[in-house]
Amino acid sequence: MPCIRWRKSSYSGHEGGNCVEVADLARVIGVRDSKDPNGPKLALSPSAWSAFTAEIKSGAHDPS
């Protein structure tokens, strides 16, 4: 079984905190919490991932 390569966003700082990691898994995009790498993971279709990241970039989910 190939090794899954998880990566953090280039916007994530090196201080830790609230980060997610993503992995390209051929037909889906994997998403996990960087603080709990063995915890639950999401699998999103590429189109769902694109829609989600577009909403994040637009500020639709800004907690402030």
N, C-alpha and C. Protein backbone atom coordinates (compact mmCIF):
# COMPACT_ATOMS: atom_id res chain seq x y z
N MET A 1 0.85 -1.18 0.00
CA MET A 1 0.00 0.00 0.00
C MET A 1 0.89 1.24 0.00
N PRO A 2 0.63 2.19 -0.89
CA PRO A 2 1.46 3.40 -0.95
C PRO A 2 1.27 4.29 0.27
N CYS A 3 2.30 5.02 0.59
CA CYS A 3 2.26 5.97 1.71
C CYS A 3 1.43 7.20 1.31
N ILE A 4 0.53 7.61 2.18
CA ILE A 4 -0.28 8.81 1.92
C ILE A 4 0.53 10.03 2.34
N ARG A 5 0.64 11.00 1.46
CA ARG A 5 1.40 12.22 1.73
C ARG A 5 0.45 13.34 2.11
N TRP A 6 0.36 13.64 3.39
CA TRP A 6 -0.48 14.71 3.91
C TRP A 6 0.31 16.01 3.87
N ARG A 7 -0.36 17.11 3.61
CA ARG A 7 0.32 18.42 3.60
C ARG A 7 -0.59 19.48 4.21
N LYS A 8 0.05 20.48 4.82
CA LYS A 8 -0.68 21.62 5.38
C LYS A 8 -0.73 22.71 4.33
N SER A 9 -1.69 23.58 4.48
CA SER A 9 -1.81 24.74 3.61
C SER A 9 -0.57 25.61 3.74
N SER A 10 -0.20 26.24 2.65
CA SER A 10 0.91 27.21 2.69
C SER A 10 0.54 28.41 3.54
N TYR A 11 -0.75 28.59 3.84
CA TYR A 11 -1.21 29.69 4.68
C TYR A 11 -1.11 29.35 6.16
N SER A 12 -0.87 28.09 6.50
CA SER A 12 -0.73 27.68 7.89
C SER A 12 0.64 28.11 8.40
N GLY A 13 0.65 28.66 9.58
CA GLY A 13 1.92 29.05 10.18
C GLY A 13 2.64 27.84 10.75
N HIS A 14 3.86 28.04 11.20
CA HIS A 14 4.63 26.96 11.78
C HIS A 14 4.43 26.88 13.29
N GLU A 15 3.53 27.69 13.84
CA GLU A 15 3.29 27.72 15.28
C GLU A 15 2.33 26.64 15.72
N GLY A 16 1.75 25.90 14.82
CA GLY A 16 0.73 24.91 15.18
C GLY A 16 -0.63 25.58 15.15
N GLY A 17 -1.53 25.16 16.00
CA GLY A 17 -2.85 25.77 16.05
C GLY A 17 -3.87 25.02 15.21
N ASN A 18 -4.86 25.74 14.73
CA ASN A 18 -5.97 25.14 14.01
C ASN A 18 -5.63 24.97 12.54
N CYS A 19 -5.14 23.82 12.19
CA CYS A 19 -4.76 23.53 10.81
C CYS A 19 -5.44 22.26 10.35
N VAL A 20 -5.67 22.20 9.08
CA VAL A 20 -6.08 20.94 8.47
C VAL A 20 -4.99 20.52 7.52
N GLU A 21 -4.92 19.24 7.26
CA GLU A 21 -4.00 18.71 6.29
C GLU A 21 -4.81 18.03 5.20
N VAL A 22 -4.31 18.05 3.99
CA VAL A 22 -5.00 17.42 2.87
C VAL A 22 -4.06 16.45 2.17
N ALA A 23 -4.66 15.49 1.49
CA ALA A 23 -3.91 14.51 0.71
C ALA A 23 -4.67 14.22 -0.56
N ASP A 24 -3.97 14.17 -1.67
CA ASP A 24 -4.56 13.79 -2.95
C ASP A 24 -4.56 12.26 -3.02
N LEU A 25 -5.75 11.68 -3.00
CA LEU A 25 -5.89 10.22 -2.94
C LEU A 25 -6.45 9.66 -4.24
N ALA A 26 -5.98 10.13 -5.35
CA ALA A 26 -6.39 9.69 -6.68
C ALA A 26 -7.78 10.23 -7.05
N ARG A 27 -8.85 9.63 -6.51
CA ARG A 27 -10.20 10.06 -6.90
C ARG A 27 -10.88 10.95 -5.89
N VAL A 28 -10.28 11.11 -4.72
CA VAL A 28 -10.85 11.95 -3.67
C VAL A 28 -9.75 12.78 -3.01
N ILE A 29 -10.17 13.80 -2.27
CA ILE A 29 -9.25 14.62 -1.48
C ILE A 29 -9.50 14.26 -0.02
N GLY A 30 -8.45 13.84 0.67
CA GLY A 30 -8.56 13.52 2.09
C GLY A 30 -8.30 14.76 2.92
N VAL A 31 -9.03 14.91 4.03
CA VAL A 31 -8.87 16.06 4.93
C VAL A 31 -8.82 15.52 6.36
N ARG A 32 -7.86 16.02 7.15
CA ARG A 32 -7.77 15.62 8.55
C ARG A 32 -7.29 16.79 9.40
N ASP A 33 -7.48 16.68 10.69
CA ASP A 33 -7.04 17.68 11.66
C ASP A 33 -5.56 17.43 11.95
N SER A 34 -4.72 18.44 11.79
CA SER A 34 -3.28 18.25 12.01
C SER A 34 -2.95 17.92 13.46
N LYS A 35 -3.82 18.31 14.39
CA LYS A 35 -3.56 18.02 15.81
C LYS A 35 -3.94 16.59 16.17
N ASP A 36 -4.70 15.92 15.32
CA ASP A 36 -5.15 14.55 15.58
C ASP A 36 -5.01 13.72 14.30
N PRO A 37 -3.77 13.46 13.86
CA PRO A 37 -3.58 12.77 12.58
C PRO A 37 -4.14 11.35 12.53
N ASN A 38 -4.37 10.74 13.68
CA ASN A 38 -4.94 9.40 13.70
C ASN A 38 -6.46 9.42 13.91
N GLY A 39 -7.02 10.63 14.01
CA GLY A 39 -8.45 10.77 14.22
C GLY A 39 -9.24 10.66 12.93
N PRO A 40 -10.48 11.14 12.96
CA PRO A 40 -11.36 11.02 11.80
C PRO A 40 -10.81 11.80 10.59
N LYS A 41 -11.17 11.31 9.44
CA LYS A 41 -10.77 11.94 8.18
C LYS A 41 -11.98 12.08 7.29
N LEU A 42 -11.98 13.10 6.45
CA LEU A 42 -13.04 13.29 5.46
C LEU A 42 -12.49 12.92 4.10
N ALA A 43 -13.36 12.46 3.22
CA ALA A 43 -13.01 12.22 1.82
C ALA A 43 -13.98 13.02 0.97
N LEU A 44 -13.46 13.98 0.22
CA LEU A 44 -14.28 14.85 -0.61
C LEU A 44 -13.95 14.64 -2.08
N SER A 45 -14.97 14.74 -2.92
CA SER A 45 -14.70 14.69 -4.36
C SER A 45 -13.93 15.95 -4.74
N PRO A 46 -13.19 15.91 -5.84
CA PRO A 46 -12.49 17.12 -6.26
C PRO A 46 -13.41 18.33 -6.44
N SER A 47 -14.63 18.12 -6.94
CA SER A 47 -15.54 19.26 -7.13
C SER A 47 -16.03 19.79 -5.78
N ALA A 48 -16.29 18.92 -4.81
CA ALA A 48 -16.70 19.37 -3.48
C ALA A 48 -15.56 20.12 -2.80
N TRP A 49 -14.31 19.64 -2.96
CA TRP A 49 -13.14 20.31 -2.39
C TRP A 49 -12.99 21.70 -3.00
N SER A 50 -13.15 21.82 -4.32
CA SER A 50 -13.05 23.12 -4.99
C SER A 50 -14.11 24.09 -4.50
N ALA A 51 -15.34 23.59 -4.33
CA ALA A 51 -16.42 24.45 -3.84
C ALA A 51 -16.13 24.89 -2.41
N PHE A 52 -15.66 23.99 -1.57
CA PHE A 52 -15.35 24.30 -0.18
C PHE A 52 -14.24 25.34 -0.09
N THR A 53 -13.15 25.14 -0.82
CA THR A 53 -12.04 26.09 -0.75
C THR A 53 -12.43 27.45 -1.32
N ALA A 54 -13.30 27.48 -2.32
CA ALA A 54 -13.78 28.76 -2.86
C ALA A 54 -14.59 29.50 -1.79
N GLU A 55 -15.41 28.78 -1.02
CA GLU A 55 -16.17 29.42 0.05
C GLU A 55 -15.25 29.94 1.15
N ILE A 56 -14.23 29.17 1.51
CA ILE A 56 -13.27 29.62 2.52
C ILE A 56 -12.57 30.90 2.05
N LYS A 57 -12.12 30.90 0.80
CA LYS A 57 -11.41 32.06 0.27
C LYS A 57 -12.31 33.29 0.20
N SER A 58 -13.62 33.09 0.02
CA SER A 58 -14.55 34.23 -0.07
C SER A 58 -14.91 34.78 1.31
N GLY A 59 -14.51 34.06 2.38
CA GLY A 59 -14.84 34.49 3.73
C GLY A 59 -16.17 33.97 4.24
N ALA A 60 -16.79 33.07 3.51
CA ALA A 60 -18.10 32.55 3.88
C ALA A 60 -18.10 31.83 5.22
N HIS A 61 -16.96 31.33 5.65
CA HIS A 61 -16.87 30.59 6.91
C HIS A 61 -15.93 31.28 7.90
N ASP A 62 -15.79 32.58 7.77
CA ASP A 62 -14.91 33.35 8.66
C ASP A 62 -15.52 33.38 10.06
N PRO A 63 -14.81 32.88 11.07
CA PRO A 63 -15.38 32.82 12.41
C PRO A 63 -15.51 34.18 13.11
N SER A 64 -14.94 35.22 12.56
CA SER A 64 -15.01 36.52 13.25
C SER A 64 -16.28 37.28 12.98
